[in-house]
Amino acid sequence: MPKFLEDKLKREYPNNPAAVYGTLNNLGYMRGNKETQAGKAAQAKHGRDMSHASVHPGRNLGAKYIHPKKSR
């Protein structure tokens, strides 16, 4: 199961594990207590996407918030 999504859902539904794991099951990231291929792919994609965010901290801010020479 995608750990990032599980943590996000646990923060959103703090005392309701049925909502957390039910959502992951409905999305197809889990089947029962087992992770599916879709869940593994979502976790891998999240890891790839977030690895670039640490290298370019202003990447998601847009060009108007970053100095022109640093907005490659």
PDB file of N, CA and C in Angstrom:
ATOM      1  N   MET A   1       0.833  -1.171   0.000  1.00  0.00           N
ATOM      2  CA  MET A   1       0.000   0.000   0.000  1.00  0.00           C
ATOM      3  C   MET A   1       0.876   1.231   0.000  1.00  0.00           C
ATOM      4  N   PRO A   2       0.475   2.268  -0.671  1.00  0.00           N
ATOM      5  CA  PRO A   2       1.270   3.491  -0.685  1.00  0.00           C
ATOM      6  C   PRO A   2       1.306   4.121   0.706  1.00  0.00           C
ATOM      7  N   LYS A   3       2.482   4.164   1.285  1.00  0.00           N
ATOM      8  CA  LYS A   3       2.633   4.666   2.650  1.00  0.00           C
ATOM      9  C   LYS A   3       2.251   6.141   2.741  1.00  0.00           C
ATOM     10  N   PHE A   4       2.582   6.936   1.716  1.00  0.00           N
ATOM     11  CA  PHE A   4       2.256   8.356   1.746  1.00  0.00           C
ATOM     12  C   PHE A   4       0.747   8.563   1.797  1.00  0.00           C
ATOM     13  N   LEU A   5       0.005   7.771   1.044  1.00  0.00           N
ATOM     14  CA  LEU A   5      -1.445   7.905   1.017  1.00  0.00           C
ATOM     15  C   LEU A   5      -2.065   7.386   2.306  1.00  0.00           C
ATOM     16  N   GLU A   6      -1.524   6.310   2.829  1.00  0.00           N
ATOM     17  CA  GLU A   6      -2.013   5.781   4.101  1.00  0.00           C
ATOM     18  C   GLU A   6      -1.833   6.816   5.216  1.00  0.00           C
ATOM     19  N   ASP A   7      -0.668   7.460   5.254  1.00  0.00           N
ATOM     20  CA  ASP A   7      -0.423   8.491   6.275  1.00  0.00           C
ATOM     21  C   ASP A   7      -1.360   9.677   6.105  1.00  0.00           C
ATOM     22  N   LYS A   8      -1.585  10.074   4.869  1.00  0.00           N
ATOM     23  CA  LYS A   8      -2.490  11.197   4.594  1.00  0.00           C
ATOM     24  C   LYS A   8      -3.916  10.868   5.033  1.00  0.00           C
ATOM     25  N   LEU A   9      -4.365   9.658   4.736  1.00  0.00           N
ATOM     26  CA  LEU A   9      -5.715   9.250   5.130  1.00  0.00           C
ATOM     27  C   LEU A   9      -5.824   9.109   6.647  1.00  0.00           C
ATOM     28  N   LYS A  10      -4.775   8.640   7.298  1.00  0.00           N
ATOM     29  CA  LYS A  10      -4.804   8.532   8.763  1.00  0.00           C
ATOM     30  C   LYS A  10      -4.899   9.902   9.418  1.00  0.00           C
ATOM     31  N   ARG A  11      -4.262  10.905   8.813  1.00  0.00           N
ATOM     32  CA  ARG A  11      -4.391  12.269   9.348  1.00  0.00           C
ATOM     33  C   ARG A  11      -5.796  12.813   9.116  1.00  0.00           C
ATOM     34  N   GLU A  12      -6.388  12.477   7.976  1.00  0.00           N
ATOM     35  CA  GLU A  12      -7.722  12.972   7.648  1.00  0.00           C
ATOM     36  C   GLU A  12      -8.804  12.276   8.471  1.00  0.00           C
ATOM     37  N   TYR A  13      -8.651  10.986   8.730  1.00  0.00           N
ATOM     38  CA  TYR A  13      -9.599  10.201   9.522  1.00  0.00           C
ATOM     39  C   TYR A  13      -8.858   9.590  10.708  1.00  0.00           C
ATOM     40  N   PRO A  14      -8.592  10.384  11.756  1.00  0.00           N
ATOM     41  CA  PRO A  14      -7.687   9.927  12.822  1.00  0.00           C
ATOM     42  C   PRO A  14      -8.137   8.689  13.587  1.00  0.00           C
ATOM     43  N   ASN A  15      -9.408   8.510  13.861  1.00  0.00           N
ATOM     44  CA  ASN A  15      -9.860   7.368  14.669  1.00  0.00           C
ATOM     45  C   ASN A  15     -10.750   6.420  13.886  1.00  0.00           C
ATOM     46  N   ASN A  16     -10.513   6.323  12.577  1.00  0.00           N
ATOM     47  CA  ASN A  16     -11.382   5.507  11.743  1.00  0.00           C
ATOM     48  C   ASN A  16     -10.550   4.675  10.763  1.00  0.00           C
ATOM     49  N   PRO A  17      -9.968   3.568  11.224  1.00  0.00           N
ATOM     50  CA  PRO A  17      -9.159   2.747  10.316  1.00  0.00           C
ATOM     51  C   PRO A  17      -9.973   2.130   9.182  1.00  0.00           C
ATOM     52  N   ALA A  18     -11.271   1.941   9.388  1.00  0.00           N
ATOM     53  CA  ALA A  18     -12.098   1.382   8.314  1.00  0.00           C
ATOM     54  C   ALA A  18     -12.156   2.345   7.131  1.00  0.00           C
ATOM     55  N   ALA A  19     -12.188   3.636   7.396  1.00  0.00           N
ATOM     56  CA  ALA A  19     -12.201   4.622   6.316  1.00  0.00           C
ATOM     57  C   ALA A  19     -10.868   4.621   5.576  1.00  0.00           C
ATOM     58  N   VAL A  20      -9.775   4.495   6.310  1.00  0.00           N
ATOM     59  CA  VAL A  20      -8.445   4.510   5.702  1.00  0.00           C
ATOM     60  C   VAL A  20      -8.264   3.305   4.794  1.00  0.00           C
ATOM     61  N   TYR A  21      -8.447   2.121   5.342  1.00  0.00           N
ATOM     62  CA  TYR A  21      -8.183   0.909   4.563  1.00  0.00           C
ATOM     63  C   TYR A  21      -9.302   0.623   3.567  1.00  0.00           C
ATOM     64  N   GLY A  22     -10.515   1.063   3.857  1.00  0.00           N
ATOM     65  CA  GLY A  22     -11.602   0.933   2.894  1.00  0.00           C
ATOM     66  C   GLY A  22     -11.335   1.774   1.657  1.00  0.00           C
ATOM     67  N   THR A  23     -10.806   2.979   1.866  1.00  0.00           N
ATOM     68  CA  THR A  23     -10.464   3.843   0.739  1.00  0.00           C
ATOM     69  C   THR A  23      -9.349   3.228  -0.097  1.00  0.00           C
ATOM     70  N   LEU A  24      -8.323   2.692   0.566  1.00  0.00           N
ATOM     71  CA  LEU A  24      -7.226   2.057  -0.169  1.00  0.00           C
ATOM     72  C   LEU A  24      -7.723   0.837  -0.940  1.00  0.00           C
ATOM     73  N   ASN A  25      -8.650   0.082  -0.360  1.00  0.00           N
ATOM     74  CA  ASN A  25      -9.231  -1.062  -1.065  1.00  0.00           C
ATOM     75  C   ASN A  25     -10.061  -0.598  -2.254  1.00  0.00           C
ATOM     76  N   ASN A  26     -10.869   0.453  -2.074  1.00  0.00           N
ATOM     77  CA  ASN A  26     -11.709   0.945  -3.159  1.00  0.00           C
ATOM     78  C   ASN A  26     -10.890   1.514  -4.311  1.00  0.00           C
ATOM     79  N   LEU A  27      -9.754   2.114  -3.999  1.00  0.00           N
ATOM     80  CA  LEU A  27      -8.891   2.649  -5.044  1.00  0.00           C
ATOM     81  C   LEU A  27      -8.119   1.551  -5.774  1.00  0.00           C
ATOM     82  N   GLY A  28      -8.092   0.369  -5.207  1.00  0.00           N
ATOM     83  CA  GLY A  28      -7.407  -0.749  -5.834  1.00  0.00           C
ATOM     84  C   GLY A  28      -5.953  -0.870  -5.427  1.00  0.00           C
ATOM     85  N   TYR A  29      -5.527  -0.132  -4.411  1.00  0.00           N
ATOM     86  CA  TYR A  29      -4.143  -0.185  -3.947  1.00  0.00           C
ATOM     87  C   TYR A  29      -3.927  -1.332  -2.971  1.00  0.00           C
ATOM     88  N   MET A  30      -5.012  -1.881  -2.439  1.00  0.00           N
ATOM     89  CA  MET A  30      -4.939  -3.018  -1.524  1.00  0.00           C
ATOM     90  C   MET A  30      -6.059  -3.985  -1.870  1.00  0.00           C
ATOM     91  N   ARG A  31      -5.867  -5.201  -1.510  1.00  0.00           N
ATOM     92  CA  ARG A  31      -6.939  -6.189  -1.547  1.00  0.00           C
ATOM     93  C   ARG A  31      -6.867  -6.911  -0.225  1.00  0.00           C
ATOM     94  N   GLY A  32      -7.801  -6.553   0.669  1.00  0.00           N
ATOM     95  CA  GLY A  32      -7.737  -7.070   2.030  1.00  0.00           C
ATOM     96  C   GLY A  32      -6.557  -6.426   2.735  1.00  0.00           C
ATOM     97  N   ASN A  33      -5.624  -7.231   3.207  1.00  0.00           N
ATOM     98  CA  ASN A  33      -4.435  -6.670   3.852  1.00  0.00           C
ATOM     99  C   ASN A  33      -3.188  -6.803   2.981  1.00  0.00           C
ATOM    100  N   LYS A  34      -3.368  -7.139   1.719  1.00  0.00           N
ATOM    101  CA  LYS A  34      -2.245  -7.313   0.788  1.00  0.00           C
ATOM    102  C   LYS A  34      -2.162  -6.135  -0.175  1.00  0.00           C
ATOM    103  N   GLU A  35      -0.948  -5.719  -0.467  1.00  0.00           N
ATOM    104  CA  GLU A  35      -0.741  -4.642  -1.428  1.00  0.00           C
ATOM    105  C   GLU A  35      -0.848  -5.194  -2.846  1.00  0.00           C
ATOM    106  N   THR A  36      -1.481  -4.430  -3.741  1.00  0.00           N
ATOM    107  CA  THR A  36      -1.614  -4.850  -5.138  1.00  0.00           C
ATOM    108  C   THR A  36      -0.500  -4.212  -5.967  1.00  0.00           C
ATOM    109  N   GLN A  37      -0.437  -4.604  -7.225  1.00  0.00           N
ATOM    110  CA  GLN A  37       0.543  -4.013  -8.135  1.00  0.00           C
ATOM    111  C   GLN A  37       0.287  -2.515  -8.317  1.00  0.00           C
ATOM    112  N   ALA A  38      -0.982  -2.116  -8.324  1.00  0.00           N
ATOM    113  CA  ALA A  38      -1.316  -0.699  -8.453  1.00  0.00           C
ATOM    114  C   ALA A  38      -0.787   0.086  -7.253  1.00  0.00           C
ATOM    115  N   GLY A  39      -0.853  -0.498  -6.067  1.00  0.00           N
ATOM    116  CA  GLY A  39      -0.328   0.150  -4.873  1.00  0.00           C
ATOM    117  C   GLY A  39       1.177   0.305  -4.928  1.00  0.00           C
ATOM    118  N   LYS A  40       1.858  -0.718  -5.407  1.00  0.00           N
ATOM    119  CA  LYS A  40       3.316  -0.642  -5.547  1.00  0.00           C
ATOM    120  C   LYS A  40       3.699   0.408  -6.587  1.00  0.00           C
ATOM    121  N   ALA A  41       2.945   0.474  -7.671  1.00  0.00           N
ATOM    122  CA  ALA A  41       3.230   1.451  -8.714  1.00  0.00           C
ATOM    123  C   ALA A  41       2.990   2.878  -8.213  1.00  0.00           C
ATOM    124  N   ALA A  42       1.932   3.074  -7.431  1.00  0.00           N
ATOM    125  CA  ALA A  42       1.645   4.405  -6.890  1.00  0.00           C
ATOM    126  C   ALA A  42       2.741   4.846  -5.931  1.00  0.00           C
ATOM    127  N   GLN A  43       3.235   3.940  -5.103  1.00  0.00           N
ATOM    128  CA  GLN A  43       4.317   4.270  -4.173  1.00  0.00           C
ATOM    129  C   GLN A  43       5.597   4.596  -4.936  1.00  0.00           C
ATOM    130  N   ALA A  44       5.899   3.836  -5.981  1.00  0.00           N
ATOM    131  CA  ALA A  44       7.098   4.089  -6.774  1.00  0.00           C
ATOM    132  C   ALA A  44       7.006   5.432  -7.494  1.00  0.00           C
ATOM    133  N   LYS A  45       5.834   5.749  -8.048  1.00  0.00           N
ATOM    134  CA  LYS A  45       5.640   7.026  -8.730  1.00  0.00           C
ATOM    135  C   LYS A  45       5.783   8.179  -7.756  1.00  0.00           C
ATOM    136  N   HIS A  46       5.233   8.034  -6.568  1.00  0.00           N
ATOM    137  CA  HIS A  46       5.351   9.074  -5.548  1.00  0.00           C
ATOM    138  C   HIS A  46       6.821   9.280  -5.179  1.00  0.00           C
ATOM    139  N   GLY A  47       7.562   8.207  -5.048  1.00  0.00           N
ATOM    140  CA  GLY A  47       8.982   8.306  -4.737  1.00  0.00           C
ATOM    141  C   GLY A  47       9.763   9.021  -5.824  1.00  0.00           C
ATOM    142  N   ARG A  48       9.444   8.722  -7.080  1.00  0.00           N
ATOM    143  CA  ARG A  48      10.115   9.401  -8.198  1.00  0.00           C
ATOM    144  C   ARG A  48       9.764  10.880  -8.223  1.00  0.00           C
ATOM    145  N   ASP A  49       8.491  11.199  -8.037  1.00  0.00           N
ATOM    146  CA  ASP A  49       8.049  12.590  -8.091  1.00  0.00           C
ATOM    147  C   ASP A  49       8.633  13.407  -6.948  1.00  0.00           C
ATOM    148  N   MET A  50       8.698  12.832  -5.765  1.00  0.00           N
ATOM    149  CA  MET A  50       9.160  13.574  -4.603  1.00  0.00           C
ATOM    150  C   MET A  50      10.682  13.682  -4.534  1.00  0.00           C
ATOM    151  N   SER A  51      11.405  12.841  -5.226  1.00  0.00           N
ATOM    152  CA  SER A  51      12.858  12.941  -5.191  1.00  0.00           C
ATOM    153  C   SER A  51      13.321  14.214  -5.893  1.00  0.00           C
ATOM    154  N   HIS A  52      12.598  14.669  -6.896  1.00  0.00           N
ATOM    155  CA  HIS A  52      12.959  15.897  -7.595  1.00  0.00           C
ATOM    156  C   HIS A  52      12.544  17.134  -6.811  1.00  0.00           C
ATOM    157  N   ALA A  53      11.533  17.025  -5.985  1.00  0.00           N
ATOM    158  CA  ALA A  53      11.073  18.172  -5.211  1.00  0.00           C
ATOM    159  C   ALA A  53      12.120  18.616  -4.213  1.00  0.00           C
ATOM    160  N   SER A  54      12.907  17.685  -3.673  1.00  0.00           N
ATOM    161  CA  SER A  54      13.934  18.076  -2.712  1.00  0.00           C
ATOM    162  C   SER A  54      15.115  18.752  -3.405  1.00  0.00           C
ATOM    163  N   VAL A  55      15.343  18.434  -4.669  1.00  0.00           N
ATOM    164  CA  VAL A  55      16.437  19.051  -5.410  1.00  0.00           C
ATOM    165  C   VAL A  55      16.058  20.460  -5.836  1.00  0.00           C
ATOM    166  N   HIS A  56      14.824  20.661  -6.220  1.00  0.00           N
ATOM    167  CA  HIS A  56      14.319  21.963  -6.663  1.00  0.00           C
ATOM    168  C   HIS A  56      13.199  22.402  -5.723  1.00  0.00           C
ATOM    169  N   PRO A  57      13.536  23.065  -4.611  1.00  0.00           N
ATOM    170  CA  PRO A  57      12.518  23.345  -3.605  1.00  0.00           C
ATOM    171  C   PRO A  57      11.396  24.257  -4.078  1.00  0.00           C
ATOM    172  N   GLY A  58      11.630  25.129  -5.033  1.00  0.00           N
ATOM    173  CA  GLY A  58      10.579  26.029  -5.492  1.00  0.00           C
ATOM    174  C   GLY A  58       9.894  25.553  -6.742  1.00  0.00           C
ATOM    175  N   ARG A  59      10.038  24.292  -7.060  1.00  0.00           N
ATOM    176  CA  ARG A  59       9.536  23.748  -8.315  1.00  0.00           C
ATOM    177  C   ARG A  59       8.038  23.949  -8.492  1.00  0.00           C
ATOM    178  N   ASN A  60       7.270  23.836  -7.443  1.00  0.00           N
ATOM    179  CA  ASN A  60       5.821  23.915  -7.556  1.00  0.00           C
ATOM    180  C   ASN A  60       5.277  25.306  -7.300  1.00  0.00           C
ATOM    181  N   LEU A  61       6.137  26.283  -7.080  1.00  0.00           N
ATOM    182  CA  LEU A  61       5.664  27.625  -6.755  1.00  0.00           C
ATOM    183  C   LEU A  61       5.302  28.445  -7.979  1.00  0.00           C
ATOM    184  N   GLY A  62       5.884  28.160  -9.095  1.00  0.00           N
ATOM    185  CA  GLY A  62       5.630  28.946 -10.282  1.00  0.00           C
ATOM    186  C   GLY A  62       6.746  29.953 -10.502  1.00  0.00           C
ATOM    187  N   ALA A  63       6.816  30.477 -11.698  1.00  0.00           N
ATOM    188  CA  ALA A  63       7.938  31.328 -12.082  1.00  0.00           C
ATOM    189  C   ALA A  63       7.926  32.677 -11.377  1.00  0.00           C
ATOM    190  N   LYS A  64       6.774  33.198 -11.009  1.00  0.00           N
ATOM    191  CA  LYS A  64       6.758  34.545 -10.446  1.00  0.00           C
ATOM    192  C   LYS A  64       7.309  34.611  -9.026  1.00  0.00           C
ATOM    193  N   TYR A  65       7.471  33.474  -8.343  1.00  0.00           N
ATOM    194  CA  TYR A  65       7.988  33.471  -6.979  1.00  0.00           C
ATOM    195  C   TYR A  65       9.474  33.143  -6.902  1.00  0.00           C
ATOM    196  N   ILE A  66      10.087  32.797  -8.019  1.00  0.00           N
ATOM    197  CA  ILE A  66      11.481  32.383  -8.023  1.00  0.00           C
ATOM    198  C   ILE A  66      12.281  33.390  -8.836  1.00  0.00           C
ATOM    199  N   HIS A  67      13.502  33.636  -8.438  1.00  0.00           N
ATOM    200  CA  HIS A  67      14.379  34.533  -9.182  1.00  0.00           C
ATOM    201  C   HIS A  67      14.527  33.997 -10.603  1.00  0.00           C
ATOM    202  N   PRO A  68      14.483  34.887 -11.608  1.00  0.00           N
ATOM    203  CA  PRO A  68      14.517  34.419 -13.008  1.00  0.00           C
ATOM    204  C   PRO A  68      15.704  33.529 -13.351  1.00  0.00           C
ATOM    205  N   LYS A  69      16.867  33.764 -12.745  1.00  0.00           N
ATOM    206  CA  LYS A  69      18.037  32.948 -13.068  1.00  0.00           C
ATOM    207  C   LYS A  69      17.988  31.576 -12.411  1.00  0.00           C
ATOM    208  N   LYS A  70      17.097  31.395 -11.452  1.00  0.00           N
ATOM    209  CA  LYS A  70      17.032  30.112 -10.744  1.00  0.00           C
ATOM    210  C   LYS A  70      15.814  29.290 -11.162  1.00  0.00           C
ATOM    211  N   SER A  71      15.040  29.749 -12.101  1.00  0.00           N
ATOM    212  CA  SER A  71      13.791  29.058 -12.458  1.00  0.00           C
ATOM    213  C   SER A  71      13.948  28.187 -13.694  1.00  0.00           C
ATOM    214  N   ARG A  72      14.978  27.375 -13.716  1.00  0.00           N
ATOM    215  CA  ARG A  72      15.190  26.514 -14.883  1.00  0.00           C
ATOM    216  C   ARG A  72      14.117  25.529 -15.010  1.00  0.00           C
TER     217      ARG A  72
END
